Amino acid sequence: MTRNMLDRTDAFGPKKTVQDSRSLCASQYYSVIAKFMKHLHSNIPPNDPPDLSKPAHIEIREEYFKGKNVKRAVVFLLSNGCEWALKSANGCTMCGHIAKQTRKQPISADDFIIQFKTAFSTINFKDIPILNIFNNGSFFNDNELPSDARRTILSLISENESIKRLLVECRPEFVEESVFREVKSLLPRTEMEIAIGLETADDFRRIISINKGFSLSQFTQAANIILNNDLRLRSYILLKPPFYSEKEAILDAVDSIKTAFSLGVNTVSLEAMTVQKYTLIEYLYNNNIYKMPWLWSIVEVIKQTSHLGRVVIGLFKFYPSPEFVPNNCSSCNDKVMEAIIEYNRTLRTDMFDRLECSCKKDWEEDLNAGSDFYKNLQDFVVTAKI
């Protein structure tokens, strides 16, 4: 790829235009996006009464850990859903998790404990040193996961010597010193990794494009608390959020990964966009305002950032499963995905060196031809008749 194909000035437009757009649009678009998300969520059909004694989903995945590829257990607890999505902000624009949560039916601490015990009893941790627990929200938000349930879950994990690392997710506003002191007392021998979806280092675009609801400053504060308590920090960086062109997506992901590592993040997880139901990204995709990211773009971001620190690639595995995922062409999709999976197993980029396909030229042309963020944003406003 030539240098000028990813020139920052061309991709993001003149500085004056960006600044004018930020000052004029931020507040009005924030409320517009939130209201539109509420409309999309209103289309979610009622769920059948759930079995509160069982987790929503369990998977065994892979992770590069302490110099080798290992298995990791992933447990999705059935919850009411993310408070950020359930209240006035109506959630992140790409997140479809809320469709599989109860949303209204109360889930008690005892329910969560039974769910976890059910999951825990089905997994043989003999050769699985990593456990991920996702409650489709913030693990340290007492309104989403009662503190009694959290303490019991952590105590049960501490009794299993095979589990070397626990990963959970949390928004920055629930990261507190007192909580982590308790965590360390309950998990004296187990590494704890906290994952936060920074998504992009650009505050304006995180607010408008992703409806994330926190600033880089808030993320930095949370990062400092996590790292000062000798816990690990993982940051999700989103490749090609709503309204981004392909070129903007690559540039933004590279810049955001650099920012994440500069703030002390231990691991960056590059999460390329997928389409889940009842999300803004599904609406944009169905109305031809959004194109799925290329697998070539994932490879390009990794080539530019893997030397900076530990960068892994999310493999489009979510609950509920996405309807559409990043792709190239039918001739090379499988081959490129195999290389991406192998990269995750080794964190070596040399398997990308042999990848070639005629569609790579189409990708390069797309980098120069795509509409920019503000054009796509305006197309959404017009199409949605806002």
Protein backbone atom coordinates (compact mmCIF):
# COMPACT_ATOMS: atom_id res chain seq x y z
CA MET A 1 0.00 0.00 0.00
CA THR A 2 1.36 3.42 -0.90
CA ARG A 3 1.71 6.11 1.72
CA ASN A 4 -0.70 8.59 0.12
CA MET A 5 -3.51 6.04 0.07
CA LEU A 6 -3.88 6.53 3.82
CA ASP A 7 -3.01 10.21 4.01
CA ARG A 8 -4.70 11.72 7.05
CA THR A 9 -5.55 15.11 5.56
CA ASP A 10 -7.39 13.56 2.62
CA ALA A 11 -9.24 11.05 4.77
CA PHE A 12 -10.59 13.33 7.49
CA GLY A 13 -10.99 16.52 5.48
CA PRO A 14 -9.69 20.04 6.17
CA LYS A 15 -9.12 20.79 9.83
CA LYS A 16 -11.43 23.81 9.78
CA THR A 17 -14.33 21.72 8.43
CA VAL A 18 -13.87 19.10 11.15
CA GLN A 19 -13.78 21.69 13.90
CA ASP A 20 -16.82 23.55 12.56
CA SER A 21 -18.75 20.29 12.30
CA ARG A 22 -17.85 19.35 15.86
CA SER A 23 -18.99 22.64 17.34
CA LEU A 24 -22.25 22.73 15.38
CA CYS A 25 -23.32 19.10 15.45
CA ALA A 26 -22.28 17.42 18.68
CA SER A 27 -25.26 18.18 20.91
CA GLN A 28 -27.99 17.87 18.26
CA TYR A 29 -26.73 14.59 16.82
CA TYR A 30 -26.25 13.04 20.24
CA SER A 31 -29.95 13.39 21.04
CA VAL A 32 -30.99 12.35 17.54
CA ILE A 33 -28.98 9.12 17.70
CA ALA A 34 -30.26 8.29 21.19
CA LYS A 35 -33.88 8.78 20.14
CA PHE A 36 -33.39 6.69 17.03
CA MET A 37 -31.86 3.90 19.11
CA LYS A 38 -34.96 3.97 21.33
CA HIS A 39 -37.11 3.56 18.22
CA LEU A 40 -35.03 0.58 17.06
CA HIS A 41 -35.20 -1.09 20.48
CA SER A 42 -38.99 -0.70 20.52
CA ASN A 43 -39.11 -3.25 17.69
CA ILE A 44 -37.55 -6.00 19.81
CA PRO A 45 -40.26 -8.66 20.26
CA PRO A 46 -41.09 -9.88 23.76
CA ASN A 47 -38.99 -12.82 24.91
CA ASP A 48 -40.45 -16.05 26.18
CA PRO A 49 -40.15 -16.32 29.97
CA PRO A 50 -36.46 -17.17 30.50
CA ASP A 51 -35.00 -19.91 32.64
CA LEU A 52 -33.12 -17.82 35.20
CA SER A 53 -31.17 -20.85 36.44
CA LYS A 54 -29.17 -21.17 33.22
CA PRO A 55 -26.62 -18.82 31.64
CA ALA A 56 -27.50 -17.34 28.28
CA HIS A 57 -24.59 -18.99 26.48
CA ILE A 58 -21.28 -20.83 27.02
CA GLU A 59 -18.41 -21.15 24.53
CA ILE A 60 -14.85 -22.43 24.49
CA ARG A 61 -12.53 -20.15 22.51
CA GLU A 62 -8.77 -19.64 22.14
CA GLU A 63 -6.28 -17.04 23.38
CA TYR A 64 -2.53 -16.50 23.18
CA PHE A 65 -1.49 -16.65 26.84
CA LYS A 66 1.97 -16.64 28.40
CA GLY A 67 3.74 -17.66 25.20
CA LYS A 68 1.31 -20.27 23.88
CA ASN A 69 -2.16 -20.76 22.50
CA VAL A 70 -4.66 -21.98 25.12
CA LYS A 71 -8.38 -22.47 25.54
CA ARG A 72 -10.59 -19.98 27.36
CA ALA A 73 -14.10 -20.44 28.65
CA VAL A 74 -16.64 -17.72 27.86
CA VAL A 75 -19.80 -17.50 29.96
CA PHE A 76 -22.63 -15.12 29.05
CA LEU A 77 -24.85 -14.62 32.08
CA LEU A 78 -28.52 -13.96 31.46
CA SER A 79 -29.15 -10.43 32.72
CA ASN A 80 -31.59 -7.55 32.45
CA GLY A 81 -29.11 -5.96 30.05
CA CYS A 82 -26.79 -2.98 30.07
CA GLU A 83 -28.09 -0.05 32.09
CA TRP A 84 -26.67 2.33 29.47
CA ALA A 85 -28.95 0.69 26.90
CA LEU A 86 -31.99 0.46 29.15
CA LYS A 87 -32.05 4.07 30.27
CA SER A 88 -32.25 7.40 28.43
CA ALA A 89 -29.12 6.96 26.28
CA ASN A 90 -30.46 3.74 24.70
CA GLY A 91 -27.11 2.07 24.25
CA CYS A 92 -24.25 1.80 21.77
CA THR A 93 -25.12 1.96 18.10
CA MET A 94 -23.61 -1.43 17.17
CA CYS A 95 -24.63 -3.49 20.22
CA GLY A 96 -27.41 -6.05 19.81
CA HIS A 97 -26.96 -7.78 23.17
CA ILE A 98 -30.09 -6.23 24.62
CA ALA A 99 -32.30 -8.31 22.31
CA LYS A 100 -31.35 -11.50 24.17
CA GLN A 101 -31.64 -10.13 27.71
CA THR A 102 -34.71 -10.09 29.92
CA ARG A 103 -34.83 -6.24 30.02
CA LYS A 104 -37.65 -6.10 32.58
CA GLN A 105 -37.91 -9.32 34.56
CA PRO A 106 -35.99 -8.90 37.83
CA ILE A 107 -32.95 -11.15 38.27
CA SER A 108 -31.86 -11.61 41.86
CA ALA A 109 -28.38 -12.21 43.26
CA ASP A 110 -29.39 -15.82 43.88
CA ASP A 111 -30.43 -16.19 40.23
CA PHE A 112 -27.01 -15.00 39.06
CA ILE A 113 -25.24 -17.32 41.48
CA ILE A 114 -27.26 -20.32 40.28
CA GLN A 115 -26.53 -19.38 36.64
CA PHE A 116 -22.83 -19.20 37.33
CA LYS A 117 -22.77 -22.45 39.30
CA THR A 118 -24.61 -24.14 36.42
CA ALA A 119 -22.02 -22.89 33.94
CA PHE A 120 -19.11 -23.61 36.26
CA SER A 121 -20.19 -27.22 36.73
CA THR A 122 -20.29 -27.89 32.98
CA ILE A 123 -16.73 -26.68 32.22
CA ASN A 124 -13.66 -28.80 32.86
CA PHE A 125 -10.98 -26.22 33.61
CA LYS A 126 -8.10 -28.71 33.66
CA ASP A 127 -6.73 -27.34 30.35
CA ILE A 128 -8.58 -24.01 30.35
CA PRO A 129 -6.60 -21.33 32.24
CA ILE A 130 -8.76 -18.34 31.23
CA LEU A 131 -12.36 -17.56 32.14
CA ASN A 132 -14.36 -14.71 30.60
CA ILE A 133 -17.61 -13.68 32.29
CA PHE A 134 -19.90 -11.37 30.33
CA ASN A 135 -23.12 -10.04 31.81
CA ASN A 136 -23.78 -7.91 28.70
CA GLY A 137 -23.02 -4.81 30.71
CA SER A 138 -20.71 -3.80 33.53
CA PHE A 139 -19.54 -6.50 35.93
CA PHE A 140 -19.01 -3.89 38.67
CA ASN A 141 -22.37 -2.11 38.32
CA ASP A 142 -24.44 -3.27 41.29
CA ASN A 143 -27.65 -2.43 39.41
CA GLU A 144 -26.71 -4.94 36.72
CA LEU A 145 -24.94 -7.59 38.81
CA PRO A 146 -25.69 -7.42 42.55
CA SER A 147 -22.59 -7.16 44.72
CA ASP A 148 -23.53 -10.31 46.67
CA ALA A 149 -23.58 -12.29 43.44
CA ARG A 150 -20.28 -10.79 42.32
CA ARG A 151 -18.57 -11.68 45.61
CA THR A 152 -19.86 -15.26 45.51
CA ILE A 153 -18.81 -15.70 41.87
CA LEU A 154 -15.30 -14.41 42.60
CA SER A 155 -15.00 -16.64 45.67
CA LEU A 156 -15.97 -19.70 43.66
CA ILE A 157 -13.40 -18.85 40.99
CA SER A 158 -10.68 -18.45 43.60
CA GLU A 159 -11.23 -22.05 44.71
CA ASN A 160 -10.33 -23.35 41.25
CA GLU A 161 -6.53 -23.34 40.93
CA SER A 162 -6.68 -24.10 37.19
CA ILE A 163 -8.07 -20.64 36.42
CA LYS A 164 -5.11 -18.30 36.02
CA ARG A 165 -6.89 -15.26 34.59
CA LEU A 166 -10.42 -13.85 34.78
CA LEU A 167 -11.66 -11.28 32.27
CA VAL A 168 -14.77 -9.16 32.80
CA GLU A 169 -16.15 -6.02 31.15
CA CYS A 170 -17.00 -2.66 32.69
CA ARG A 171 -17.77 0.93 31.75
CA PRO A 172 -15.42 3.57 33.23
CA GLU A 173 -17.98 5.05 35.62
CA PHE A 174 -18.07 1.82 37.65
CA VAL A 175 -14.30 1.51 38.07
CA GLU A 176 -13.60 2.27 41.75
CA GLU A 177 -10.66 1.71 44.10
CA SER A 178 -12.82 0.12 46.82
CA VAL A 179 -14.22 -2.47 44.43
CA PHE A 180 -10.78 -3.54 43.27
CA ARG A 181 -9.46 -3.86 46.81
CA GLU A 182 -12.28 -6.31 47.39
CA VAL A 183 -11.53 -8.13 44.12
CA LYS A 184 -7.88 -8.61 45.07
CA SER A 185 -8.84 -9.98 48.48
CA LEU A 186 -11.26 -12.47 46.89
CA LEU A 187 -8.91 -13.47 44.04
CA PRO A 188 -5.45 -13.52 45.63
CA ARG A 189 -3.96 -16.02 43.13
CA THR A 190 -5.88 -15.17 39.95
CA GLU A 191 -5.05 -12.41 37.47
CA MET A 192 -7.95 -10.06 36.82
CA GLU A 193 -8.31 -8.34 33.45
CA ILE A 194 -10.83 -5.52 32.98
CA ALA A 195 -12.06 -4.87 29.44
CA ILE A 196 -13.39 -1.45 28.49
CA GLY A 197 -14.75 -0.51 25.06
CA LEU A 198 -12.84 2.65 24.26
CA GLU A 199 -13.74 1.99 20.59
CA THR A 200 -12.05 5.17 19.32
CA ALA A 201 -9.74 7.80 20.78
CA ASP A 202 -11.81 10.53 19.08
CA ASP A 203 -14.27 11.93 21.65
CA PHE A 204 -16.56 13.54 19.08
CA ARG A 205 -16.94 10.42 16.97
CA ARG A 206 -17.32 8.18 20.03
CA ILE A 207 -20.29 10.30 21.09
CA ILE A 208 -21.93 10.68 17.68
CA SER A 209 -21.05 7.48 15.89
CA ILE A 210 -21.12 5.01 18.78
CA ASN A 211 -23.29 6.75 21.40
CA LYS A 212 -20.80 5.50 23.97
CA GLY A 213 -21.43 8.15 26.58
CA PHE A 214 -17.97 8.65 28.07
CA SER A 215 -14.88 10.67 27.22
CA LEU A 216 -11.23 9.79 26.72
CA SER A 217 -10.56 11.59 30.00
CA GLN A 218 -12.97 9.27 31.84
CA PHE A 219 -11.36 6.25 30.21
CA THR A 220 -7.93 7.52 31.28
CA GLN A 221 -9.09 7.92 34.87
CA ALA A 222 -10.45 4.38 34.92
CA ALA A 223 -7.28 3.05 33.29
CA ASN A 224 -5.15 4.65 35.99
CA ILE A 225 -7.22 3.08 38.78
CA ILE A 226 -7.05 -0.37 37.15
CA LEU A 227 -3.32 -0.24 36.50
CA ASN A 228 -2.47 1.29 39.89
CA ASN A 229 -4.19 -1.70 41.47
CA ASP A 230 -1.95 -4.10 39.52
CA LEU A 231 -4.85 -5.36 37.42
CA ARG A 232 -4.70 -5.86 33.67
CA LEU A 233 -6.52 -3.58 31.24
CA ARG A 234 -7.90 -4.61 27.85
CA SER A 235 -9.35 -2.07 25.46
CA TYR A 236 -11.72 -2.80 22.60
CA ILE A 237 -11.04 -0.71 19.50
CA LEU A 238 -13.81 -0.72 16.90
CA LEU A 239 -12.90 -0.93 13.23
CA LYS A 240 -15.31 1.07 11.07
CA PRO A 241 -18.02 2.47 13.34
CA PRO A 242 -21.16 3.96 11.76
CA PHE A 243 -20.61 6.71 9.16
CA TYR A 244 -16.90 5.95 8.65
CA SER A 245 -15.39 5.36 5.23
CA GLU A 246 -12.96 2.47 4.84
CA LYS A 247 -9.96 4.79 4.84
CA GLU A 248 -11.17 6.72 7.87
CA ALA A 249 -11.76 3.41 9.66
CA ILE A 250 -8.17 2.26 9.22
CA LEU A 251 -6.67 5.60 10.19
CA ASP A 252 -8.89 5.92 13.24
CA ALA A 253 -8.21 2.37 14.44
CA VAL A 254 -4.44 2.83 14.12
CA ASP A 255 -4.54 6.15 15.98
CA SER A 256 -6.81 4.73 18.67
CA ILE A 257 -4.58 1.71 19.25
CA LYS A 258 -1.58 4.02 19.63
CA THR A 259 -3.52 6.10 22.15
CA ALA A 260 -4.64 3.02 24.09
CA PHE A 261 -1.07 1.78 24.50
CA SER A 262 0.12 5.25 25.48
CA LEU A 263 -2.38 5.11 28.37
CA GLY A 264 -0.96 1.82 29.64
CA VAL A 265 -3.42 -0.65 28.14
CA ASN A 266 -2.02 -4.21 28.31
CA THR A 267 -4.03 -5.70 25.45
CA VAL A 268 -5.94 -4.16 22.56
CA SER A 269 -8.71 -6.21 21.01
CA LEU A 270 -9.44 -5.00 17.48
CA GLU A 271 -13.16 -5.53 16.95
CA ALA A 272 -14.24 -5.14 13.33
CA MET A 273 -17.86 -4.13 12.90
CA THR A 274 -20.58 -6.76 12.62
CA VAL A 275 -24.32 -6.34 12.07
CA GLN A 276 -26.66 -7.41 14.86
CA LYS A 277 -30.42 -6.96 14.85
CA TYR A 278 -32.15 -3.91 16.33
CA THR A 279 -29.05 -1.72 16.01
CA LEU A 280 -28.26 1.50 14.19
CA ILE A 281 -25.63 -0.31 12.15
CA GLU A 282 -28.31 -2.74 10.90
CA TYR A 283 -30.46 0.20 9.81
CA LEU A 284 -27.55 1.88 8.00
CA TYR A 285 -26.52 -1.38 6.33
CA ASN A 286 -30.06 -2.13 5.13
CA ASN A 287 -30.37 1.40 3.73
CA ASN A 288 -27.04 1.29 1.87
CA ILE A 289 -25.43 3.94 4.09
CA TYR A 290 -22.89 1.49 5.45
CA LYS A 291 -20.59 -1.14 3.90
CA MET A 292 -19.07 -3.93 5.95
CA PRO A 293 -15.33 -3.55 6.58
CA TRP A 294 -12.93 -5.54 4.43
CA LEU A 295 -10.81 -8.28 5.95
CA TRP A 296 -7.92 -6.50 4.20
CA SER A 297 -8.54 -3.54 6.52
CA ILE A 298 -8.16 -5.76 9.58
CA VAL A 299 -4.86 -7.06 8.21
CA GLU A 300 -3.67 -3.52 7.44
CA VAL A 301 -4.39 -2.26 10.96
CA ILE A 302 -2.56 -5.22 12.48
CA LYS A 303 0.45 -4.69 10.22
CA GLN A 304 0.66 -1.07 11.38
CA THR A 305 0.16 -1.68 15.10
CA SER A 306 1.22 -5.18 16.20
CA HIS A 307 4.72 -3.92 17.05
CA LEU A 308 3.26 -1.45 19.56
CA GLY A 309 2.03 -4.07 22.01
CA ARG A 310 -0.31 -7.01 22.38
CA VAL A 311 -3.03 -6.62 19.71
CA VAL A 312 -5.53 -9.44 19.23
CA ILE A 313 -8.35 -9.65 16.71
CA GLY A 314 -11.95 -10.21 17.70
CA LEU A 315 -13.34 -13.01 15.57
CA PHE A 316 -16.92 -11.71 15.25
CA LYS A 317 -18.21 -14.03 17.98
CA PHE A 318 -20.99 -12.32 19.88
CA TYR A 319 -24.21 -13.25 21.59
CA PRO A 320 -26.57 -12.98 19.81
CA SER A 321 -24.65 -14.00 16.68
CA PRO A 322 -24.29 -11.30 14.02
CA GLU A 323 -26.18 -11.36 10.74
CA PHE A 324 -23.26 -10.01 8.70
CA VAL A 325 -19.51 -9.92 9.34
CA PRO A 326 -16.45 -8.40 7.60
CA ASN A 327 -15.51 -10.03 4.31
CA ASN A 328 -13.39 -9.81 1.16
CA CYS A 329 -14.54 -11.97 -1.75
CA SER A 330 -15.61 -15.61 -1.99
CA SER A 331 -12.22 -16.56 -3.44
CA CYS A 332 -10.15 -15.44 -0.46
CA ASN A 333 -12.47 -15.07 2.55
CA ASP A 334 -11.58 -18.47 4.01
CA LYS A 335 -7.87 -18.06 3.35
CA VAL A 336 -7.67 -14.62 4.95
CA MET A 337 -9.76 -15.71 7.94
CA GLU A 338 -7.43 -18.68 8.47
CA ALA A 339 -4.49 -16.27 8.53
CA ILE A 340 -6.30 -14.00 11.03
CA ILE A 341 -7.06 -16.97 13.31
CA GLU A 342 -3.44 -18.13 13.06
CA TYR A 343 -2.25 -14.63 13.93
CA ASN A 344 -4.33 -14.74 17.12
CA ARG A 345 -2.75 -18.09 18.01
CA THR A 346 0.82 -16.78 17.66
CA LEU A 347 0.66 -12.94 17.45
CA ARG A 348 3.00 -13.22 14.45
CA THR A 349 2.24 -11.19 11.33
CA ASP A 350 4.31 -13.19 8.83
CA MET A 351 1.30 -15.30 7.81
CA PHE A 352 -0.17 -12.15 6.25
CA ASP A 353 2.80 -11.75 3.90
CA ARG A 354 1.61 -14.49 1.56
CA LEU A 355 -1.96 -13.25 1.19
CA GLU A 356 -2.92 -12.09 -2.29
CA CYS A 357 -6.18 -11.90 -4.23
CA SER A 358 -7.56 -9.90 -7.13
CA CYS A 359 -10.07 -8.29 -4.76
CA LYS A 360 -7.23 -6.49 -3.00
CA LYS A 361 -7.23 -4.01 -5.87
CA ASP A 362 -10.96 -3.39 -5.26
CA TRP A 363 -10.20 -2.74 -1.60
CA GLU A 364 -7.48 -0.24 -2.52
CA GLU A 365 -9.89 1.54 -4.86
CA ASP A 366 -12.48 1.61 -2.06
CA LEU A 367 -9.97 3.39 0.16
CA ASN A 368 -9.87 6.28 -2.29
CA ALA A 369 -13.53 6.29 -3.30
CA GLY A 370 -15.53 6.09 -0.09
CA SER A 371 -17.75 8.88 1.23
CA ASP A 372 -16.54 10.61 4.35
CA PHE A 373 -17.99 10.63 7.86
CA TYR A 374 -20.01 13.82 7.51
CA LYS A 375 -21.55 12.86 4.16
CA ASN A 376 -22.64 9.48 5.57
CA LEU A 377 -23.99 11.14 8.72
CA GLN A 378 -26.07 13.55 6.63
CA ASP A 379 -27.34 10.67 4.47
CA PHE A 380 -28.59 8.99 7.64
CA VAL A 381 -30.42 12.13 8.75
CA VAL A 382 -32.12 12.44 5.35
CA THR A 383 -32.97 8.73 5.02
CA ALA A 384 -34.34 8.48 8.55
CA LYS A 385 -36.34 11.69 7.92
CA ILE A 386 -35.01 13.31 11.06
